[in-house]
Amino acid sequence: QMKNHCQQKLLIQMKTECVPCSLNLETQCPAGYTKITNGTGIPNCRYYLEVKTHTLSFLGCRHHCMKEFEQPECCQGHWGPDCMGE
């Protein structure tokens, strides 16, 4: 009955929080996401530490995560809730 439905693949990407690179080996992606970076991740962010009256900024690392899910849509030439053709 679903012959007029086509699967539309959607990719969602997100980045984990910026942390010291040495700690980022242990960082996990949220449930359902796959880590697409390796090791300590990508050193392209800054994290901040407050020391007494100063806030210090350091280069940190984060991981990129990806989630793929399929969304059923009508195939070309079909429309409506039941994906009827002409």
PDB file of N, CA and C in Angstrom:
ATOM      1  N   GLN A   1       0.822  -1.202   0.000  1.00  0.00           N
ATOM      2  CA  GLN A   1       0.000   0.000   0.000  1.00  0.00           C
ATOM      3  C   GLN A   1       0.867   1.268   0.000  1.00  0.00           C
ATOM      4  N   MET A   2       2.159   1.080   0.320  1.00  0.00           N
ATOM      5  CA  MET A   2       3.051   2.238   0.403  1.00  0.00           C
ATOM      6  C   MET A   2       3.849   2.411  -0.883  1.00  0.00           C
ATOM      7  N   LYS A   3       3.358   1.875  -2.003  1.00  0.00           N
ATOM      8  CA  LYS A   3       4.192   1.872  -3.201  1.00  0.00           C
ATOM      9  C   LYS A   3       4.453   3.271  -3.769  1.00  0.00           C
ATOM     10  N   ASN A   4       3.625   4.252  -3.430  1.00  0.00           N
ATOM     11  CA  ASN A   4       3.843   5.605  -3.924  1.00  0.00           C
ATOM     12  C   ASN A   4       4.651   6.457  -2.948  1.00  0.00           C
ATOM     13  N   HIS A   5       5.130   5.821  -1.880  1.00  0.00           N
ATOM     14  CA  HIS A   5       5.954   6.542  -0.902  1.00  0.00           C
ATOM     15  C   HIS A   5       7.428   6.302  -1.204  1.00  0.00           C
ATOM     16  N   CYS A   6       8.230   7.348  -1.131  1.00  0.00           N
ATOM     17  CA  CYS A   6       9.672   7.238  -1.304  1.00  0.00           C
ATOM     18  C   CYS A   6      10.329   7.718  -0.010  1.00  0.00           C
ATOM     19  N   GLN A   7      11.420   7.096   0.354  1.00  0.00           N
ATOM     20  CA  GLN A   7      12.127   7.490   1.576  1.00  0.00           C
ATOM     21  C   GLN A   7      13.048   8.668   1.294  1.00  0.00           C
ATOM     22  N   GLN A   8      12.894   9.706   2.063  1.00  0.00           N
ATOM     23  CA  GLN A   8      13.769  10.871   1.976  1.00  0.00           C
ATOM     24  C   GLN A   8      14.769  10.774   3.125  1.00  0.00           C
ATOM     25  N   LYS A   9      16.055  10.633   2.791  1.00  0.00           N
ATOM     26  CA  LYS A   9      17.080  10.524   3.848  1.00  0.00           C
ATOM     27  C   LYS A   9      17.501  11.906   4.324  1.00  0.00           C
ATOM     28  N   LEU A  10      17.447  12.115   5.620  1.00  0.00           N
ATOM     29  CA  LEU A  10      17.857  13.390   6.198  1.00  0.00           C
ATOM     30  C   LEU A  10      19.061  13.176   7.101  1.00  0.00           C
ATOM     31  N   LEU A  11      20.037  14.058   6.992  1.00  0.00           N
ATOM     32  CA  LEU A  11      21.212  14.002   7.856  1.00  0.00           C
ATOM     33  C   LEU A  11      21.200  15.204   8.783  1.00  0.00           C
ATOM     34  N   ILE A  12      21.356  14.930  10.061  1.00  0.00           N
ATOM     35  CA  ILE A  12      21.427  16.012  11.035  1.00  0.00           C
ATOM     36  C   ILE A  12      22.818  15.977  11.647  1.00  0.00           C
ATOM     37  N   GLN A  13      23.500  17.115  11.665  1.00  0.00           N
ATOM     38  CA  GLN A  13      24.823  17.182  12.274  1.00  0.00           C
ATOM     39  C   GLN A  13      24.794  18.087  13.487  1.00  0.00           C
ATOM     40  N   MET A  14      25.592  17.756  14.485  1.00  0.00           N
ATOM     41  CA  MET A  14      25.727  18.623  15.642  1.00  0.00           C
ATOM     42  C   MET A  14      27.154  18.521  16.150  1.00  0.00           C
ATOM     43  N   LYS A  15      27.539  19.464  17.010  1.00  0.00           N
ATOM     44  CA  LYS A  15      28.878  19.464  17.587  1.00  0.00           C
ATOM     45  C   LYS A  15      28.753  19.314  19.092  1.00  0.00           C
ATOM     46  N   THR A  16      29.700  18.588  19.679  1.00  0.00           N
ATOM     47  CA  THR A  16      29.702  18.448  21.127  1.00  0.00           C
ATOM     48  C   THR A  16      30.256  19.726  21.755  1.00  0.00           C
ATOM     49  N   GLU A  17      30.128  19.819  23.060  1.00  0.00           N
ATOM     50  CA  GLU A  17      30.596  20.990  23.789  1.00  0.00           C
ATOM     51  C   GLU A  17      32.117  21.102  23.708  1.00  0.00           C
ATOM     52  N   CYS A  18      32.618  22.318  23.740  1.00  0.00           N
ATOM     53  CA  CYS A  18      34.060  22.553  23.696  1.00  0.00           C
ATOM     54  C   CYS A  18      34.686  22.226  25.049  1.00  0.00           C
ATOM     55  N   VAL A  19      35.679  21.343  25.035  1.00  0.00           N
ATOM     56  CA  VAL A  19      36.387  20.960  26.268  1.00  0.00           C
ATOM     57  C   VAL A  19      37.881  20.909  25.985  1.00  0.00           C
ATOM     58  N   PRO A  20      38.717  20.819  27.033  1.00  0.00           N
ATOM     59  CA  PRO A  20      40.158  20.633  26.791  1.00  0.00           C
ATOM     60  C   PRO A  20      40.381  19.405  25.906  1.00  0.00           C
ATOM     61  N   CYS A  21      41.258  19.538  24.926  1.00  0.00           N
ATOM     62  CA  CYS A  21      41.459  18.448  23.948  1.00  0.00           C
ATOM     63  C   CYS A  21      41.818  17.125  24.627  1.00  0.00           C
ATOM     64  N   SER A  22      42.598  17.190  25.705  1.00  0.00           N
ATOM     65  CA  SER A  22      43.011  15.960  26.384  1.00  0.00           C
ATOM     66  C   SER A  22      41.819  15.222  26.982  1.00  0.00           C
ATOM     67  N   LEU A  23      40.742  15.939  27.284  1.00  0.00           N
ATOM     68  CA  LEU A  23      39.551  15.307  27.863  1.00  0.00           C
ATOM     69  C   LEU A  23      38.564  14.855  26.794  1.00  0.00           C
ATOM     70  N   ASN A  24      38.784  15.305  25.576  1.00  0.00           N
ATOM     71  CA  ASN A  24      37.775  15.088  24.544  1.00  0.00           C
ATOM     72  C   ASN A  24      37.781  13.674  23.966  1.00  0.00           C
ATOM     73  N   LEU A  25      38.823  12.897  24.259  1.00  0.00           N
ATOM     74  CA  LEU A  25      38.853  11.497  23.825  1.00  0.00           C
ATOM     75  C   LEU A  25      37.631  10.744  24.343  1.00  0.00           C
ATOM     76  N   GLU A  26      37.215  11.100  25.556  1.00  0.00           N
ATOM     77  CA  GLU A  26      36.127  10.377  26.225  1.00  0.00           C
ATOM     78  C   GLU A  26      34.740  10.877  25.820  1.00  0.00           C
ATOM     79  N   THR A  27      34.691  11.996  25.097  1.00  0.00           N
ATOM     80  CA  THR A  27      33.395  12.608  24.782  1.00  0.00           C
ATOM     81  C   THR A  27      32.562  11.699  23.892  1.00  0.00           C
ATOM     82  N   GLN A  28      31.311  11.522  24.280  1.00  0.00           N
ATOM     83  CA  GLN A  28      30.383  10.725  23.487  1.00  0.00           C
ATOM     84  C   GLN A  28      29.348  11.632  22.833  1.00  0.00           C
ATOM     85  N   CYS A  29      28.843  11.185  21.696  1.00  0.00           N
ATOM     86  CA  CYS A  29      27.754  11.904  21.053  1.00  0.00           C
ATOM     87  C   CYS A  29      26.453  11.579  21.783  1.00  0.00           C
ATOM     88  N   PRO A  30      25.451  12.445  21.639  1.00  0.00           N
ATOM     89  CA  PRO A  30      24.144  12.135  22.237  1.00  0.00           C
ATOM     90  C   PRO A  30      23.587  10.822  21.677  1.00  0.00           C
ATOM     91  N   ALA A  31      22.676  10.222  22.392  1.00  0.00           N
ATOM     92  CA  ALA A  31      22.075   8.949  21.967  1.00  0.00           C
ATOM     93  C   ALA A  31      21.510   9.073  20.556  1.00  0.00           C
ATOM     94  N   GLY A  32      21.812   8.101  19.723  1.00  0.00           N
ATOM     95  CA  GLY A  32      21.295   8.096  18.359  1.00  0.00           C
ATOM     96  C   GLY A  32      22.221   8.747  17.349  1.00  0.00           C
ATOM     97  N   TYR A  33      23.237   9.477  17.837  1.00  0.00           N
ATOM     98  CA  TYR A  33      24.184  10.137  16.942  1.00  0.00           C
ATOM     99  C   TYR A  33      25.459   9.312  16.819  1.00  0.00           C
ATOM    100  N   THR A  34      26.098   9.396  15.663  1.00  0.00           N
ATOM    101  CA  THR A  34      27.360   8.709  15.407  1.00  0.00           C
ATOM    102  C   THR A  34      28.478   9.739  15.365  1.00  0.00           C
ATOM    103  N   LYS A  35      29.580   9.424  16.042  1.00  0.00           N
ATOM    104  CA  LYS A  35      30.733  10.335  16.052  1.00  0.00           C
ATOM    105  C   LYS A  35      31.437  10.234  14.699  1.00  0.00           C
ATOM    106  N   ILE A  36      31.642  11.371  14.027  1.00  0.00           N
ATOM    107  CA  ILE A  36      32.301  11.337  12.713  1.00  0.00           C
ATOM    108  C   ILE A  36      33.692  11.946  12.760  1.00  0.00           C
ATOM    109  N   THR A  37      34.152  12.309  13.959  1.00  0.00           N
ATOM    110  CA  THR A  37      35.527  12.772  14.122  1.00  0.00           C
ATOM    111  C   THR A  37      36.248  11.788  15.033  1.00  0.00           C
ATOM    112  N   ASN A  38      37.558  11.735  14.924  1.00  0.00           N
ATOM    113  CA  ASN A  38      38.336  10.735  15.669  1.00  0.00           C
ATOM    114  C   ASN A  38      39.178  11.357  16.762  1.00  0.00           C
ATOM    115  N   GLY A  39      39.680  10.508  17.634  1.00  0.00           N
ATOM    116  CA  GLY A  39      40.664  10.919  18.638  1.00  0.00           C
ATOM    117  C   GLY A  39      40.161  12.029  19.523  1.00  0.00           C
ATOM    118  N   THR A  40      40.909  13.133  19.540  1.00  0.00           N
ATOM    119  CA  THR A  40      40.526  14.258  20.393  1.00  0.00           C
ATOM    120  C   THR A  40      39.592  15.228  19.674  1.00  0.00           C
ATOM    121  N   GLY A  41      39.211  14.905  18.457  1.00  0.00           N
ATOM    122  CA  GLY A  41      38.259  15.761  17.744  1.00  0.00           C
ATOM    123  C   GLY A  41      38.946  16.903  17.018  1.00  0.00           C
ATOM    124  N   ILE A  42      38.221  17.999  16.841  1.00  0.00           N
ATOM    125  CA  ILE A  42      38.707  19.125  16.051  1.00  0.00           C
ATOM    126  C   ILE A  42      39.017  20.309  16.968  1.00  0.00           C
ATOM    127  N   PRO A  43      40.265  20.805  16.928  1.00  0.00           N
ATOM    128  CA  PRO A  43      40.654  21.920  17.803  1.00  0.00           C
ATOM    129  C   PRO A  43      40.250  23.266  17.214  1.00  0.00           C
ATOM    130  N   ASN A  44      38.940  23.531  17.198  1.00  0.00           N
ATOM    131  CA  ASN A  44      38.470  24.750  16.522  1.00  0.00           C
ATOM    132  C   ASN A  44      37.522  25.562  17.401  1.00  0.00           C
ATOM    133  N   CYS A  45      37.701  25.468  18.724  1.00  0.00           N
ATOM    134  CA  CYS A  45      36.785  26.207  19.593  1.00  0.00           C
ATOM    135  C   CYS A  45      37.543  26.669  20.833  1.00  0.00           C
ATOM    136  N   ARG A  46      36.872  27.488  21.627  1.00  0.00           N
ATOM    137  CA  ARG A  46      37.506  27.989  22.846  1.00  0.00           C
ATOM    138  C   ARG A  46      36.625  27.686  24.042  1.00  0.00           C
ATOM    139  N   TYR A  47      37.260  27.342  25.150  1.00  0.00           N
ATOM    140  CA  TYR A  47      36.518  27.173  26.398  1.00  0.00           C
ATOM    141  C   TYR A  47      37.116  28.128  27.420  1.00  0.00           C
ATOM    142  N   TYR A  48      36.371  28.390  28.462  1.00  0.00           N
ATOM    143  CA  TYR A  48      36.742  29.455  29.396  1.00  0.00           C
ATOM    144  C   TYR A  48      36.843  28.915  30.817  1.00  0.00           C
ATOM    145  N   LEU A  49      37.850  29.402  31.528  1.00  0.00           N
ATOM    146  CA  LEU A  49      38.013  29.066  32.937  1.00  0.00           C
ATOM    147  C   LEU A  49      38.060  30.358  33.725  1.00  0.00           C
ATOM    148  N   GLU A  50      37.308  30.379  34.804  1.00  0.00           N
ATOM    149  CA  GLU A  50      37.351  31.560  35.657  1.00  0.00           C
ATOM    150  C   GLU A  50      38.347  31.325  36.778  1.00  0.00           C
ATOM    151  N   VAL A  51      39.329  32.221  36.875  1.00  0.00           N
ATOM    152  CA  VAL A  51      40.349  32.141  37.920  1.00  0.00           C
ATOM    153  C   VAL A  51      40.297  33.448  38.701  1.00  0.00           C
ATOM    154  N   LYS A  52      39.811  33.352  39.914  1.00  0.00           N
ATOM    155  CA  LYS A  52      39.651  34.540  40.769  1.00  0.00           C
ATOM    156  C   LYS A  52      38.911  35.648  40.021  1.00  0.00           C
ATOM    157  N   THR A  53      39.602  36.696  39.629  1.00  0.00           N
ATOM    158  CA  THR A  53      38.896  37.815  38.996  1.00  0.00           C
ATOM    159  C   THR A  53      39.014  37.797  37.475  1.00  0.00           C
ATOM    160  N   HIS A  54      39.689  36.804  36.939  1.00  0.00           N
ATOM    161  CA  HIS A  54      39.913  36.764  35.488  1.00  0.00           C
ATOM    162  C   HIS A  54      39.188  35.583  34.855  1.00  0.00           C
ATOM    163  N   THR A  55      38.838  35.750  33.598  1.00  0.00           N
ATOM    164  CA  THR A  55      38.333  34.632  32.811  1.00  0.00           C
ATOM    165  C   THR A  55      39.371  34.337  31.733  1.00  0.00           C
ATOM    166  N   LEU A  56      39.899  33.132  31.751  1.00  0.00           N
ATOM    167  CA  LEU A  56      40.917  32.739  30.783  1.00  0.00           C
ATOM    168  C   LEU A  56      40.268  31.935  29.669  1.00  0.00           C
ATOM    169  N   SER A  57      40.787  32.136  28.467  1.00  0.00           N
ATOM    170  CA  SER A  57      40.254  31.457  27.294  1.00  0.00           C
ATOM    171  C   SER A  57      41.322  30.514  26.747  1.00  0.00           C
ATOM    172  N   PHE A  58      40.930  29.284  26.454  1.00  0.00           N
ATOM    173  CA  PHE A  58      41.875  28.273  25.945  1.00  0.00           C
ATOM    174  C   PHE A  58      41.336  27.641  24.674  1.00  0.00           C
ATOM    175  N   LEU A  59      42.254  27.217  23.824  1.00  0.00           N
ATOM    176  CA  LEU A  59      41.853  26.451  22.642  1.00  0.00           C
ATOM    177  C   LEU A  59      41.385  25.075  23.091  1.00  0.00           C
ATOM    178  N   GLY A  60      40.219  24.679  22.618  1.00  0.00           N
ATOM    179  CA  GLY A  60      39.674  23.380  22.999  1.00  0.00           C
ATOM    180  C   GLY A  60      39.299  22.569  21.773  1.00  0.00           C
ATOM    181  N   CYS A  61      38.783  21.376  22.046  1.00  0.00           N
ATOM    182  CA  CYS A  61      38.375  20.470  20.973  1.00  0.00           C
ATOM    183  C   CYS A  61      36.912  20.090  21.131  1.00  0.00           C
ATOM    184  N   ARG A  62      36.316  19.716  20.024  1.00  0.00           N
ATOM    185  CA  ARG A  62      34.963  19.164  20.062  1.00  0.00           C
ATOM    186  C   ARG A  62      34.810  18.146  18.942  1.00  0.00           C
ATOM    187  N   HIS A  63      33.820  17.312  19.092  1.00  0.00           N
ATOM    188  CA  HIS A  63      33.541  16.293  18.083  1.00  0.00           C
ATOM    189  C   HIS A  63      32.325  16.686  17.254  1.00  0.00           C
ATOM    190  N   HIS A  64      32.293  16.180  16.054  1.00  0.00           N
ATOM    191  CA  HIS A  64      31.128  16.343  15.200  1.00  0.00           C
ATOM    192  C   HIS A  64      30.362  15.023  15.216  1.00  0.00           C
ATOM    193  N   CYS A  65      29.058  15.118  15.327  1.00  0.00           N
ATOM    194  CA  CYS A  65      28.202  13.937  15.396  1.00  0.00           C
ATOM    195  C   CYS A  65      27.149  14.021  14.295  1.00  0.00           C
ATOM    196  N   MET A  66      26.715  12.865  13.833  1.00  0.00           N
ATOM    197  CA  MET A  66      25.770  12.814  12.732  1.00  0.00           C
ATOM    198  C   MET A  66      24.661  11.823  13.037  1.00  0.00           C
ATOM    199  N   LYS A  67      23.464  12.164  12.620  1.00  0.00           N
ATOM    200  CA  LYS A  67      22.320  11.271  12.781  1.00  0.00           C
ATOM    201  C   LYS A  67      21.607  11.222  11.446  1.00  0.00           C
ATOM    202  N   GLU A  68      21.257  10.023  11.026  1.00  0.00           N
ATOM    203  CA  GLU A  68      20.555   9.870   9.756  1.00  0.00           C
ATOM    204  C   GLU A  68      19.185   9.291  10.041  1.00  0.00           C
ATOM    205  N   PHE A  69      18.154   9.913   9.507  1.00  0.00           N
ATOM    206  CA  PHE A  69      16.858   9.261   9.626  1.00  0.00           C
ATOM    207  C   PHE A  69      16.079   9.415   8.342  1.00  0.00           C
ATOM    208  N   GLU A  70      15.162   8.495   8.135  1.00  0.00           N
ATOM    209  CA  GLU A  70      14.405   8.470   6.889  1.00  0.00           C
ATOM    210  C   GLU A  70      13.016   9.014   7.132  1.00  0.00           C
ATOM    211  N   GLN A  71      12.607   9.862   6.220  1.00  0.00           N
ATOM    212  CA  GLN A  71      11.288  10.469   6.319  1.00  0.00           C
ATOM    213  C   GLN A  71      10.512  10.068   5.079  1.00  0.00           C
ATOM    214  N   PRO A  72       9.397   9.380   5.253  1.00  0.00           N
ATOM    215  CA  PRO A  72       8.639   8.979   4.067  1.00  0.00           C
ATOM    216  C   PRO A  72       7.994  10.194   3.400  1.00  0.00           C
ATOM    217  N   GLU A  73       8.164  10.278   2.103  1.00  0.00           N
ATOM    218  CA  GLU A  73       7.524  11.343   1.326  1.00  0.00           C
ATOM    219  C   GLU A  73       6.904  10.711   0.095  1.00  0.00           C
ATOM    220  N   CYS A  74       6.012  11.456  -0.541  1.00  0.00           N
ATOM    221  CA  CYS A  74       5.417  10.949  -1.776  1.00  0.00           C
ATOM    222  C   CYS A  74       6.464  10.969  -2.892  1.00  0.00           C
ATOM    223  N   CYS A  75       6.426   9.946  -3.727  1.00  0.00           N
ATOM    224  CA  CYS A  75       7.308   9.929  -4.896  1.00  0.00           C
ATOM    225  C   CYS A  75       6.858  11.014  -5.867  1.00  0.00           C
ATOM    226  N   GLN A  76       7.735  11.336  -6.811  1.00  0.00           N
ATOM    227  CA  GLN A  76       7.431  12.372  -7.788  1.00  0.00           C
ATOM    228  C   GLN A  76       6.155  12.015  -8.557  1.00  0.00           C
ATOM    229  N   GLY A  77       5.297  12.992  -8.704  1.00  0.00           N
ATOM    230  CA  GLY A  77       4.051  12.748  -9.438  1.00  0.00           C
ATOM    231  C   GLY A  77       2.914  12.276  -8.557  1.00  0.00           C
ATOM    232  N   HIS A  78       3.170  12.116  -7.258  1.00  0.00           N
ATOM    233  CA  HIS A  78       2.122  11.701  -6.312  1.00  0.00           C
ATOM    234  C   HIS A  78       2.026  12.732  -5.210  1.00  0.00           C
ATOM    235  N   TRP A  79       0.854  12.840  -4.592  1.00  0.00           N
ATOM    236  CA  TRP A  79       0.682  13.863  -3.561  1.00  0.00           C
ATOM    237  C   TRP A  79      -0.421  13.483  -2.614  1.00  0.00           C
ATOM    238  N   GLY A  80      -0.611  14.298  -1.606  1.00  0.00           N
ATOM    239  CA  GLY A  80      -1.693  14.087  -0.654  1.00  0.00           C
ATOM    240  C   GLY A  80      -1.296  13.110   0.443  1.00  0.00           C
ATOM    241  N   PRO A  81      -2.153  12.939   1.450  1.00  0.00           N
ATOM    242  CA  PRO A  81      -1.827  12.068   2.580  1.00  0.00           C
ATOM    243  C   PRO A  81      -1.644  10.609   2.158  1.00  0.00           C
ATOM    244  N   ASP A  82      -2.287  10.201   1.063  1.00  0.00           N
ATOM    245  CA  ASP A  82      -2.167   8.815   0.621  1.00  0.00           C
ATOM    246  C   ASP A  82      -1.263   8.681  -0.601  1.00  0.00           C
ATOM    247  N   CYS A  83      -0.607   9.783  -0.990  1.00  0.00           N
ATOM    248  CA  CYS A  83       0.311   9.776  -2.140  1.00  0.00           C
ATOM    249  C   CYS A  83      -0.365   9.218  -3.389  1.00  0.00           C
ATOM    250  N   MET A  84      -1.544   9.758  -3.692  1.00  0.00           N
ATOM    251  CA  MET A  84      -2.263   9.296  -4.890  1.00  0.00           C
ATOM    252  C   MET A  84      -1.688   9.976  -6.124  1.00  0.00           C
ATOM    253  N   GLY A  85      -1.704   9.263  -7.242  1.00  0.00           N
ATOM    254  CA  GLY A  85      -1.223   9.824  -8.507  1.00  0.00           C
ATOM    255  C   GLY A  85      -2.363  10.456  -9.269  1.00  0.00           C
ATOM    256  N   GLU A  86      -2.077  10.741 -10.536  1.00  0.00           N
ATOM    257  CA  GLU A  86      -3.086  11.403 -11.371  1.00  0.00           C
ATOM    258  C   GLU A  86      -4.220  10.433 -11.691  1.00  0.00           C
TER     259      GLU A  86
END
